Protein backbone atom coordinates (compact mmCIF):
# COMPACT_ATOMS: atom_id res chain seq x y z
CA UNK A 1 96.80 59.16 117.66
CA UNK A 2 95.68 59.89 114.10
CA UNK A 3 93.15 62.41 115.43
CA UNK A 4 95.90 64.25 117.30
CA UNK A 5 98.07 64.37 114.21
CA UNK A 6 95.18 65.73 112.16
CA UNK A 7 94.50 68.44 114.76
CA UNK A 8 98.18 69.41 114.91
CA UNK A 9 98.40 69.59 111.12
CA UNK A 10 95.20 71.64 110.94
CA UNK A 11 96.47 74.06 113.56
CA UNK A 12 99.80 74.26 111.80
CA UNK A 13 98.05 75.13 108.52
CA UNK A 14 95.99 77.82 110.27
CA UNK A 15 99.12 79.29 111.87
CA UNK A 16 100.89 79.28 108.51
CA UNK A 17 97.97 81.22 107.02
CA UNK A 18 98.02 83.69 109.90
CA UNK A 19 101.76 84.21 109.49
CA UNK A 20 101.34 84.84 105.77
CA UNK A 21 98.62 87.39 106.45
CA UNK A 22 100.77 89.09 109.08
CA UNK A 23 103.71 89.24 106.70
CA UNK A 24 101.53 90.68 103.93
CA UNK A 25 100.04 93.19 106.36
CA UNK A 26 103.49 94.20 107.59
CA UNK A 27 104.75 94.65 104.04
CA UNK A 28 101.72 96.80 103.18
CA UNK A 29 102.25 98.93 106.30
CA UNK A 30 105.91 99.32 105.36
CA UNK A 31 104.98 100.46 101.84
CA UNK A 32 102.41 102.89 103.27
CA UNK A 33 104.98 104.26 105.72
CA UNK A 34 107.54 104.75 102.94
CA UNK A 35 104.96 106.53 100.76
CA UNK A 36 103.94 108.80 103.64
CA UNK A 37 107.58 109.52 104.32
CA UNK A 38 108.17 110.45 100.65
CA UNK A 39 105.14 112.75 100.53
CA UNK A 40 106.02 114.34 103.87
CA UNK A 41 109.58 114.97 102.71
CA UNK A 42 108.31 116.48 99.46
CA UNK A 43 105.95 118.76 101.38
CA UNK A 44 108.76 119.84 103.71
CA UNK A 45 111.00 120.62 100.73
CA UNK A 46 108.23 122.72 99.21
CA UNK A 47 107.75 124.59 102.46
CA UNK A 48 111.48 125.16 102.72
CA UNK A 49 111.53 126.61 99.20
CA UNK A 50 108.63 128.90 100.05
CA UNK A 51 110.35 130.06 103.23
CA UNK A 52 113.60 130.75 101.36
CA UNK A 53 111.65 132.83 98.82
CA UNK A 54 109.86 134.76 101.58
CA UNK A 55 113.14 135.50 103.35
CA UNK A 56 114.71 136.71 100.11
CA UNK A 57 111.71 138.90 99.35
CA UNK A 58 111.80 140.45 102.84
CA UNK A 59 115.53 141.20 102.56
CA UNK A 60 115.05 143.10 99.31
């Protein structure tokens, strides 16, 4: 009985560690996604500004 309890507690501790790692990994992926989204949006805004300038220059 004691051996079973020890095994269950050991497995529970391992699963807790795995869950913590998964949570940390998910949070890091979320931060990376948000950073990529910010840089992509900034690049798109720059391209939009360039296109607006080009259109204005061609209309002149």
